[in-house]
Protein backbone atom coordinates (compact mmCIF):
# COMPACT_ATOMS: atom_id res chain seq x y z
CA MET A 1 -29.41 41.87 -18.07
CA HIS A 2 -28.06 39.05 -15.84
CA ILE A 3 -24.64 37.47 -16.09
CA LEU A 4 -24.19 34.01 -16.75
CA VAL A 5 -20.81 32.12 -16.52
CA GLN A 6 -20.09 29.20 -18.90
CA LYS A 7 -17.23 26.85 -18.42
CA PHE A 8 -16.26 24.41 -21.20
CA GLY A 9 -13.90 21.47 -20.35
CA GLY A 10 -11.09 20.11 -22.49
CA THR A 11 -13.25 17.51 -24.34
CA SER A 12 -15.72 20.53 -25.17
CA LEU A 13 -12.95 22.26 -27.12
CA SER A 14 -10.74 19.41 -28.49
CA SER A 15 -12.39 18.90 -31.83
CA LYS A 16 -13.74 21.29 -34.69
CA GLU A 17 -17.12 19.65 -34.31
CA ALA A 18 -17.14 20.13 -30.35
CA ARG A 19 -16.06 23.92 -30.81
CA GLU A 20 -18.99 24.22 -33.17
CA LEU A 21 -21.34 23.07 -30.37
CA VAL A 22 -19.84 25.36 -27.96
CA ILE A 23 -20.48 28.34 -30.22
CA LYS A 24 -24.29 27.24 -30.49
CA HIS A 25 -24.39 27.18 -26.45
CA ILE A 26 -23.07 30.55 -26.46
CA GLN A 27 -25.45 31.82 -29.13
CA ARG A 28 -28.48 30.43 -27.40
CA GLU A 29 -27.63 32.01 -24.16
CA ARG A 30 -26.91 35.43 -25.78
CA GLN A 31 -30.38 35.01 -27.35
CA ARG A 32 -31.77 34.80 -23.83
CA GLN A 33 -30.38 38.03 -22.94
CA TYR A 34 -27.61 36.91 -20.77
CA GLN A 35 -24.12 38.79 -20.66
CA LEU A 36 -21.62 35.88 -20.90
CA VAL A 37 -18.40 35.14 -19.20
CA VAL A 38 -16.94 31.99 -20.72
CA VAL A 39 -14.33 29.98 -18.84
CA VAL A 40 -12.21 27.56 -20.84
CA SER A 41 -9.78 24.58 -19.94
CA ALA A 42 -7.04 23.54 -22.13
CA MET A 43 -8.06 21.39 -25.32
CA GLY A 44 -8.23 17.62 -24.95
CA ARG A 45 -6.49 15.25 -22.58
CA LYS A 46 -3.00 13.83 -22.39
CA GLY A 47 -1.71 13.07 -25.72
CA ASP A 48 -3.59 15.84 -27.55
CA PRO A 49 -1.24 18.51 -28.69
CA TYR A 50 -2.18 21.28 -26.53
CA ALA A 51 -3.44 19.44 -23.43
CA THR A 52 -1.69 20.52 -20.24
CA ASP A 53 -0.19 17.13 -19.55
CA THR A 54 1.13 16.91 -23.01
CA LEU A 55 3.00 20.29 -22.62
CA LEU A 56 4.31 19.12 -19.26
CA SER A 57 5.86 16.09 -20.83
CA LEU A 58 8.11 18.47 -22.86
CA VAL A 59 9.71 19.58 -19.60
CA ALA A 60 10.22 15.73 -18.63
CA GLU A 61 12.01 15.20 -21.67
CA HIS A 62 14.31 18.24 -21.29
CA GLY A 63 15.78 17.78 -17.73
CA ASP A 64 12.60 17.72 -15.89
CA ALA A 65 14.34 20.50 -13.47
CA LEU A 66 11.90 23.55 -14.09
CA PRO A 67 10.88 25.44 -10.57
CA ALA A 68 7.25 25.44 -9.66
CA LYS A 69 6.93 29.14 -10.68
CA GLU A 70 8.15 28.57 -14.17
CA ARG A 71 6.21 25.39 -14.20
CA ASP A 72 3.18 27.45 -13.67
CA LEU A 73 3.88 29.54 -17.04
CA LEU A 74 3.88 26.33 -19.05
CA GLN A 75 0.83 24.84 -17.35
CA GLY A 76 -1.30 27.82 -18.30
CA CYS A 77 -0.63 27.86 -22.03
CA GLY A 78 -3.20 25.16 -22.95
CA GLU A 79 -5.82 27.39 -21.68
CA ILE A 80 -4.56 30.58 -23.48
CA ILE A 81 -4.61 28.72 -26.64
CA SER A 82 -8.25 27.68 -26.01
CA ALA A 83 -9.28 31.18 -25.23
CA SER A 84 -7.43 32.46 -28.30
CA VAL A 85 -9.13 29.95 -30.64
CA LEU A 86 -12.52 30.39 -29.20
CA CYS A 87 -12.37 34.10 -29.44
CA SER A 88 -11.32 33.93 -33.23
CA LEU A 89 -14.40 31.57 -33.72
CA LEU A 90 -16.93 33.79 -32.01
CA ARG A 91 -15.74 36.90 -33.94
CA ALA A 92 -15.73 35.08 -37.17
CA ALA A 93 -19.31 34.33 -36.19
CA GLY A 94 -20.21 37.84 -35.73
CA ILE A 95 -20.20 37.61 -32.02
CA PRO A 96 -18.02 40.21 -30.16
CA ALA A 97 -15.60 38.79 -27.94
CA ILE A 98 -12.50 39.26 -26.01
CA ALA A 99 -9.92 37.01 -24.27
CA LEU A 100 -8.39 37.64 -20.94
CA THR A 101 -5.96 35.60 -18.80
CA GLY A 102 -7.04 34.77 -15.36
CA GLY A 103 -4.78 37.53 -14.20
CA GLY A 104 -6.20 39.93 -16.84
CA ALA A 105 -9.71 39.19 -15.65
CA GLY A 106 -8.66 40.34 -12.19
CA ILE A 107 -8.05 36.87 -10.50
CA ILE A 108 -5.40 37.60 -7.72
CA THR A 109 -3.91 34.68 -5.97
CA ASP A 110 -1.38 33.78 -3.33
CA ASN A 111 2.05 32.55 -4.28
CA GLN A 112 1.47 28.64 -3.85
CA PHE A 113 2.48 27.92 -7.40
CA GLY A 114 0.84 24.83 -8.82
CA LYS A 115 -1.89 25.16 -6.12
CA ALA A 116 -2.64 28.70 -5.56
CA ARG A 117 -5.73 29.95 -3.60
CA ILE A 118 -7.99 32.84 -4.84
CA LEU A 119 -7.57 36.07 -2.50
CA GLU A 120 -9.84 38.16 -4.47
CA ILE A 121 -11.27 38.95 -8.09
CA ARG A 122 -11.30 42.62 -9.34
CA THR A 123 -14.15 42.49 -11.80
CA ASP A 124 -13.93 46.18 -13.17
CA ARG A 125 -12.43 45.01 -16.35
CA ILE A 126 -14.92 42.21 -17.02
CA ARG A 127 -17.90 44.52 -16.31
CA HIS A 128 -16.87 47.08 -18.60
CA ALA A 129 -16.14 44.65 -21.30
CA LEU A 130 -19.69 43.00 -20.79
CA GLN A 131 -21.35 46.45 -20.84
CA ALA A 132 -19.73 47.08 -24.30
CA GLY A 133 -21.50 43.96 -25.36
CA ASN A 134 -18.73 41.25 -25.36
CA VAL A 135 -18.55 37.93 -24.62
CA VAL A 136 -15.62 37.90 -22.17
CA ILE A 137 -13.63 34.65 -22.52
CA VAL A 138 -11.52 33.92 -19.41
CA THR A 139 -8.61 31.26 -19.23
CA GLY A 140 -9.56 29.04 -16.42
CA PHE A 141 -7.05 27.32 -13.89
CA GLN A 142 -5.11 30.37 -13.43
CA GLY A 143 -4.49 33.84 -11.74
CA VAL A 144 -1.76 36.26 -10.90
CA THR A 145 0.16 37.11 -7.63
CA GLU A 146 0.04 40.76 -6.50
CA SER A 147 3.65 41.16 -7.61
CA GLY A 148 2.62 40.02 -11.12
CA ASP A 149 3.52 36.22 -11.14
CA PHE A 150 1.50 33.74 -13.09
CA THR A 151 -0.05 31.08 -10.90
CA THR A 152 -2.14 27.98 -11.47
CA LEU A 153 -4.80 26.80 -9.21
CA GLY A 154 -4.38 22.93 -9.16
CA ARG A 155 -6.67 20.09 -10.02
CA GLY A 156 -10.18 21.04 -10.77
CA GLY A 157 -8.86 24.72 -11.37
CA SER A 158 -11.01 25.64 -14.21
CA ASP A 159 -14.27 24.59 -12.37
CA THR A 160 -12.87 26.97 -9.38
CA SER A 161 -12.24 29.81 -11.66
CA ALA A 162 -15.83 29.51 -13.03
CA THR A 163 -17.60 29.46 -9.75
CA ALA A 164 -15.22 32.24 -8.22
CA LEU A 165 -16.00 34.52 -11.20
CA GLY A 166 -19.67 33.67 -10.90
CA ALA A 167 -19.69 34.50 -7.13
CA ALA A 168 -17.64 37.86 -7.76
CA LEU A 169 -19.95 38.85 -10.52
CA GLN A 170 -23.12 37.98 -8.65
CA ALA A 171 -24.22 35.78 -11.74
CA ALA A 172 -27.44 34.40 -12.14
CA ARG A 173 -26.00 30.76 -12.62
CA VAL A 174 -22.68 29.02 -13.47
CA ASP A 175 -22.97 26.14 -16.25
CA ILE A 176 -20.29 23.48 -16.11
CA TYR A 177 -20.21 22.03 -19.71
CA THR A 178 -18.63 18.49 -19.76
CA ASP A 179 -18.75 15.28 -21.70
CA VAL A 180 -21.67 13.74 -19.71
CA ASN A 181 -25.14 14.94 -19.34
CA GLY A 182 -25.15 15.97 -15.48
CA ILE A 183 -24.37 14.28 -12.25
CA LEU A 184 -24.98 10.73 -12.67
CA THR A 185 -25.98 8.10 -9.93
CA ALA A 186 -22.68 6.24 -10.52
CA ASP A 187 -19.84 6.06 -12.98
CA PRO A 188 -21.26 5.12 -16.39
CA ARG A 189 -18.35 3.25 -17.25
CA ILE A 190 -18.84 0.86 -14.46
CA VAL A 191 -22.58 1.01 -13.86
CA LYS A 192 -24.32 0.59 -17.28
CA ASP A 193 -27.76 1.88 -16.08
CA ALA A 194 -26.49 5.06 -14.23
CA ARG A 195 -28.92 7.80 -14.60
CA ALA A 196 -28.49 11.68 -14.46
CA LEU A 197 -30.14 13.45 -11.49
CA SER A 198 -32.25 16.44 -12.41
CA VAL A 199 -31.56 18.15 -9.29
CA ILE A 200 -29.09 17.70 -6.33
CA SER A 201 -28.13 19.70 -3.30
CA TYR A 202 -24.60 21.36 -2.83
CA GLY A 203 -23.71 18.95 0.05
CA GLU A 204 -24.83 16.02 -1.74
CA VAL A 205 -22.66 16.79 -4.95
CA GLY A 206 -19.86 17.92 -2.78
CA ASN A 207 -19.86 14.54 -1.18
CA MET A 208 -19.86 12.76 -4.40
CA ALA A 209 -17.08 14.77 -5.83
CA ARG A 210 -14.93 14.31 -2.82
CA GLN A 211 -15.54 10.32 -3.06
CA GLY A 212 -14.37 9.99 -6.40
CA ALA A 213 -16.98 11.39 -8.74
CA LYS A 214 -15.02 13.47 -11.33
CA VAL A 215 -17.62 15.76 -12.84
CA ILE A 216 -16.85 18.78 -10.74
CA HIS A 217 -14.26 19.52 -8.19
CA PRO A 218 -15.32 19.74 -4.64
CA ARG A 219 -13.72 23.28 -4.21
CA ALA A 220 -15.82 24.67 -6.87
CA VAL A 221 -19.06 23.45 -5.19
CA GLU A 222 -17.89 24.88 -1.94
CA ILE A 223 -17.51 28.39 -3.50
CA ALA A 224 -20.89 28.29 -5.25
CA GLN A 225 -22.46 26.97 -2.08
CA GLN A 226 -21.14 29.93 -0.10
CA ALA A 227 -22.19 32.62 -2.70
CA ARG A 228 -25.67 30.60 -3.20
CA ILE A 229 -25.07 30.69 -6.90
CA PRO A 230 -26.79 27.94 -8.62
CA LEU A 231 -24.78 25.39 -10.78
CA ARG A 232 -25.88 23.48 -13.75
CA VAL A 233 -23.60 20.50 -14.82
CA ARG A 234 -24.67 19.51 -18.42
CA SER A 235 -23.20 18.21 -21.59
CA THR A 236 -21.63 20.09 -24.54
CA PHE A 237 -23.06 17.45 -26.82
CA SER A 238 -26.66 17.83 -25.82
CA GLU A 239 -29.27 20.28 -25.54
CA GLU A 240 -30.46 18.73 -22.34
CA GLU A 241 -30.64 20.63 -19.15
CA GLY A 242 -28.56 18.36 -17.31
CA THR A 243 -28.29 18.64 -13.34
CA LEU A 244 -29.24 21.76 -11.37
CA VAL A 245 -27.19 22.05 -8.21
CA THR A 246 -28.57 24.29 -5.61
CA ASP A 247 -29.53 24.90 -1.91
CA VAL A 248 -31.25 21.98 -0.14
CA SER A 249 -34.14 24.40 0.49
CA ASP A 250 -34.55 24.94 -3.36
CA VAL A 251 -34.26 21.05 -3.75
CA LEU A 252 -37.17 20.74 -1.45
CA HIS A 253 -39.28 23.12 -3.36
CA SER A 254 -38.09 21.92 -7.04
CA GLY A 255 -40.87 19.24 -7.37
CA ALA A 256 -38.00 16.39 -7.07
CA VAL A 257 -39.18 13.47 -5.08
CA ARG A 258 -37.17 13.71 -1.79
CA ASP A 259 -38.06 10.31 -0.32
CA ARG A 260 -34.96 8.84 -1.88
CA HIS A 261 -32.47 8.24 0.81
CA VAL A 262 -29.60 7.63 -1.49
CA ILE A 263 -28.75 9.45 -4.57
CA GLY A 264 -25.58 7.80 -5.74
CA VAL A 265 -22.44 5.59 -5.35
CA ALA A 266 -18.87 6.87 -5.92
CA HIS A 267 -15.47 5.15 -5.64
CA VAL A 268 -11.93 5.80 -5.03
CA SER A 269 -9.57 2.99 -6.18
CA GLY A 270 -6.03 2.15 -5.51
CA VAL A 271 -5.86 2.31 -1.86
CA THR A 272 -4.16 0.31 0.86
CA GLN A 273 -5.71 -0.66 4.21
CA ILE A 274 -3.36 -0.49 7.14
CA THR A 275 -3.82 -2.10 10.29
CA VAL A 276 -1.68 -1.22 13.47
CA GLN A 277 -1.96 -3.05 16.89
CA ALA A 278 -0.83 -1.31 20.01
CA GLN A 279 2.46 -2.68 21.35
CA GLU A 280 2.54 -3.75 25.13
CA GLY A 281 3.45 -0.48 26.93
CA HIS A 282 2.37 1.69 24.05
CA ALA A 283 -0.76 3.36 25.08
CA ASP A 284 -0.23 6.26 22.72
CA VAL A 285 -0.29 4.38 19.50
CA GLN A 286 -2.55 6.61 17.45
CA LEU A 287 -0.55 9.58 18.29
CA GLN A 288 2.60 8.00 17.26
CA VAL A 289 1.02 6.38 14.22
CA PHE A 290 -0.59 9.66 12.81
CA GLN A 291 2.43 11.80 13.72
CA ALA A 292 4.81 9.45 11.91
CA MET A 293 2.49 9.53 8.78
CA ALA A 294 2.25 13.49 9.03
CA ARG A 295 6.22 13.99 9.26
CA HIS A 296 6.67 11.99 6.24
CA HIS A 297 3.80 13.75 4.28
CA ILE A 298 1.62 10.48 3.81
CA SER A 299 -2.00 11.21 3.24
CA VAL A 300 -4.42 9.29 5.38
CA ASP A 301 -8.07 8.48 4.94
CA PHE A 302 -10.79 6.08 6.22
CA ILE A 303 -9.49 6.24 9.85
CA ASN A 304 -10.95 4.08 12.48
CA VAL A 305 -9.39 4.32 15.96
CA ASN A 306 -9.88 2.06 19.07
CA PRO A 307 -7.92 1.50 22.42
CA GLY A 308 -6.05 -1.32 20.78
CA GLY A 309 -4.75 0.43 17.61
CA ALA A 310 -5.59 2.15 14.35
CA VAL A 311 -6.88 1.24 10.97
CA TYR A 312 -6.70 3.69 7.99
CA THR A 313 -5.90 3.79 4.24
CA VAL A 314 -3.33 5.18 2.08
CA PHE A 315 -2.93 5.47 -1.57
CA ASP A 316 -1.04 2.35 -2.99
CA GLN A 317 1.74 4.30 -4.12
CA ASP A 318 2.42 5.41 -0.47
CA ALA A 319 2.07 1.84 1.11
CA ASP A 320 5.46 0.75 1.16
CA LYS A 321 6.62 3.97 2.47
CA ALA A 322 4.07 3.93 5.28
CA VAL A 323 4.81 0.22 6.34
CA ALA A 324 8.49 1.15 6.52
CA VAL A 325 8.04 4.30 8.56
CA LEU A 326 5.64 2.41 11.12
CA GLN A 327 8.42 -0.48 11.26
CA GLU A 328 10.92 2.09 12.16
CA ILE A 329 9.11 3.19 15.13
CA GLY A 330 8.51 -0.21 16.33
CA TYR A 331 5.37 -1.41 14.80
CA ALA A 332 4.46 -4.49 12.85
CA PRO A 333 1.45 -3.15 10.51
CA ARG A 334 -0.57 -5.19 8.31
CA ALA A 335 -1.20 -3.95 4.74
CA VAL A 336 -3.92 -4.92 2.48
CA ASN A 337 -2.98 -3.72 -1.05
CA GLY A 338 -5.36 -3.09 -3.86
CA CYS A 339 -8.42 -1.93 -2.11
CA ALA A 340 -11.39 0.53 -3.22
CA LYS A 341 -13.27 2.71 -1.10
CA ILE A 342 -16.94 2.74 -2.00
CA SER A 343 -19.44 5.50 -0.89
CA VAL A 344 -23.07 5.46 -0.55
CA ILE A 345 -24.38 9.13 -0.65
CA GLY A 346 -27.68 10.89 0.21
CA GLY A 347 -28.71 13.74 2.14
CA GLY A 348 -32.06 11.83 3.12
CA MET A 349 -30.26 8.78 4.89
CA ASN A 350 -29.58 10.69 8.17
CA GLY A 351 -31.75 9.01 10.95
CA VAL A 352 -33.22 6.59 8.48
CA PRO A 353 -32.97 2.98 10.01
CA GLY A 354 -32.01 0.21 7.67
CA ILE A 355 -29.65 1.77 5.17
CA MET A 356 -26.32 -0.08 6.56
CA ALA A 357 -28.51 -3.23 6.51
CA ARG A 358 -29.21 -2.87 2.73
CA ILE A 359 -25.64 -2.24 2.07
CA VAL A 360 -24.49 -5.23 3.86
CA GLU A 361 -27.34 -7.28 2.19
CA ALA A 362 -26.40 -6.22 -1.28
CA LEU A 363 -22.80 -6.97 -0.74
CA THR A 364 -23.37 -10.28 1.08
CA GLU A 365 -25.63 -11.54 -1.71
CA GLU A 366 -22.63 -10.85 -4.30
CA GLY A 367 -20.19 -12.49 -1.79
CA ILE A 368 -18.11 -9.40 -1.32
CA PRO A 369 -16.33 -9.06 2.18
CA ILE A 370 -16.47 -5.76 3.88
CA LEU A 371 -12.95 -4.88 5.11
CA GLN A 372 -13.79 -1.73 6.92
CA SER A 373 -16.70 0.88 7.27
CA ALA A 374 -17.57 4.34 8.59
CA ASP A 375 -20.43 6.56 8.18
CA SER A 376 -21.49 10.31 8.35
CA ASN A 377 -24.88 11.78 8.45
CA THR A 378 -24.87 11.88 4.43
CA THR A 379 -22.48 9.25 3.57
CA ILE A 380 -21.68 5.52 4.33
CA TRP A 381 -18.39 4.04 3.24
CA VAL A 382 -17.17 0.70 2.81
CA LEU A 383 -13.83 -0.72 1.94
CA VAL A 384 -13.59 -3.84 -0.29
CA ARG A 385 -10.86 -5.41 -2.52
CA GLU A 386 -10.37 -3.68 -5.82
CA SER A 387 -11.37 -6.89 -7.72
CA TYR A 388 -14.89 -6.52 -6.18
CA MET A 389 -15.11 -2.76 -6.80
CA ALA A 390 -17.30 -2.91 -10.17
CA SER A 391 -19.59 -5.64 -8.79
CA ALA A 392 -20.05 -3.77 -5.64
CA LEU A 393 -21.15 -0.65 -7.33
CA GLN A 394 -23.56 -2.42 -9.61
CA ALA A 395 -25.04 -4.30 -6.53
CA LEU A 396 -25.29 -0.99 -4.48
CA HIS A 397 -26.86 0.84 -7.42
CA ALA A 398 -29.38 -1.97 -7.80
CA LYS A 399 -30.15 -2.45 -4.10
CA PHE A 400 -31.14 1.34 -3.96
CA ALA A 401 -33.12 1.25 -7.27
CA LEU A 402 -30.88 4.28 -8.76
CA HIS A 403 -31.46 2.87 -12.05
CA ASP A 404 -35.43 3.92 -11.71
CA ILE A 405 -35.26 7.37 -13.30
CA LYS A 406 -38.67 7.96 -12.14
CA GLU A 407 -37.43 8.11 -8.40
CA LEU A 408 -34.91 11.05 -9.40
CA LYS A 409 -37.10 13.51 -11.03
């Protein structure tokens, strides 16, 4: 029998009706003769009683002085509740199941509390439980140090848990269940005719995740790619297959049409553009600027440098601090708040003339000024005012005909 890892996110577990659908997905894959490892997130989102952010609000209301190690104990409670509830439901349905914490499942991490990295996974306990016929439920987002301290893996940690377990167990596939039916060509809340892709490469979906698409965490994609474990991103609320994420060579032989140069658009909002001009006698402007940002722990992105200065972005919440730091070392920066970074992504755009021309054409037709641009061999980025973000995404989605589902399958 082959091992299949299923990961269910918070919305998949937040209601009685959703949990019933989770049981059906598990039953279906058992009927297909898979041995199942099921990774769970905390139930719901902020405001829901067992969501991680809701639990953390208890600390904020009671002194907000919890050290990182003890905070990890609290942050992992939601997943433990999810695993216990799902285990009870499965056993009530006549399906043998056990629930394990991340540490109990053999996930060993370093001691970077709140953002721990997985060092190794000791799979003996899971394998023995699978051989005994159990569905093995594992709490996502967490592990344990060699000395026994409880740790959490940071943002996207349950995705990371699932793909890391898939890699360690040499699973046939990892299925990521969410509230949307796969990887979409754009955020459907902004682009109403966004479409689900049937198949996509690790590199393409990794770029989409890093540029703002929130369906799967980029670290999880990296782990799956390194282990060459196929991923499937699908909806808990549908029987549709969703999106297969696999190696580019498999994409090429999947039957998908590959002369689509662009496969999606993504966005990151809430950024500020900072422009710094070199002062007379300051030939090392770039060195001074970026060393100053590093010293003050200000994350920078979208970097363009030239002999006369530098242009880059920071998050809006860091903008005032960044400007003050630059002023302290003798510069007069110009800051443009409230911007959005728009990414046009596609593994087929490398070496293809005219992609940038079509981007400029789409935005110009809508009267949207481009504040800055940059590119790689699979992505072109443009910076626009956040007030233009929705119009820019819609215009680019239409310009590359991403609404045409026939192009994508």
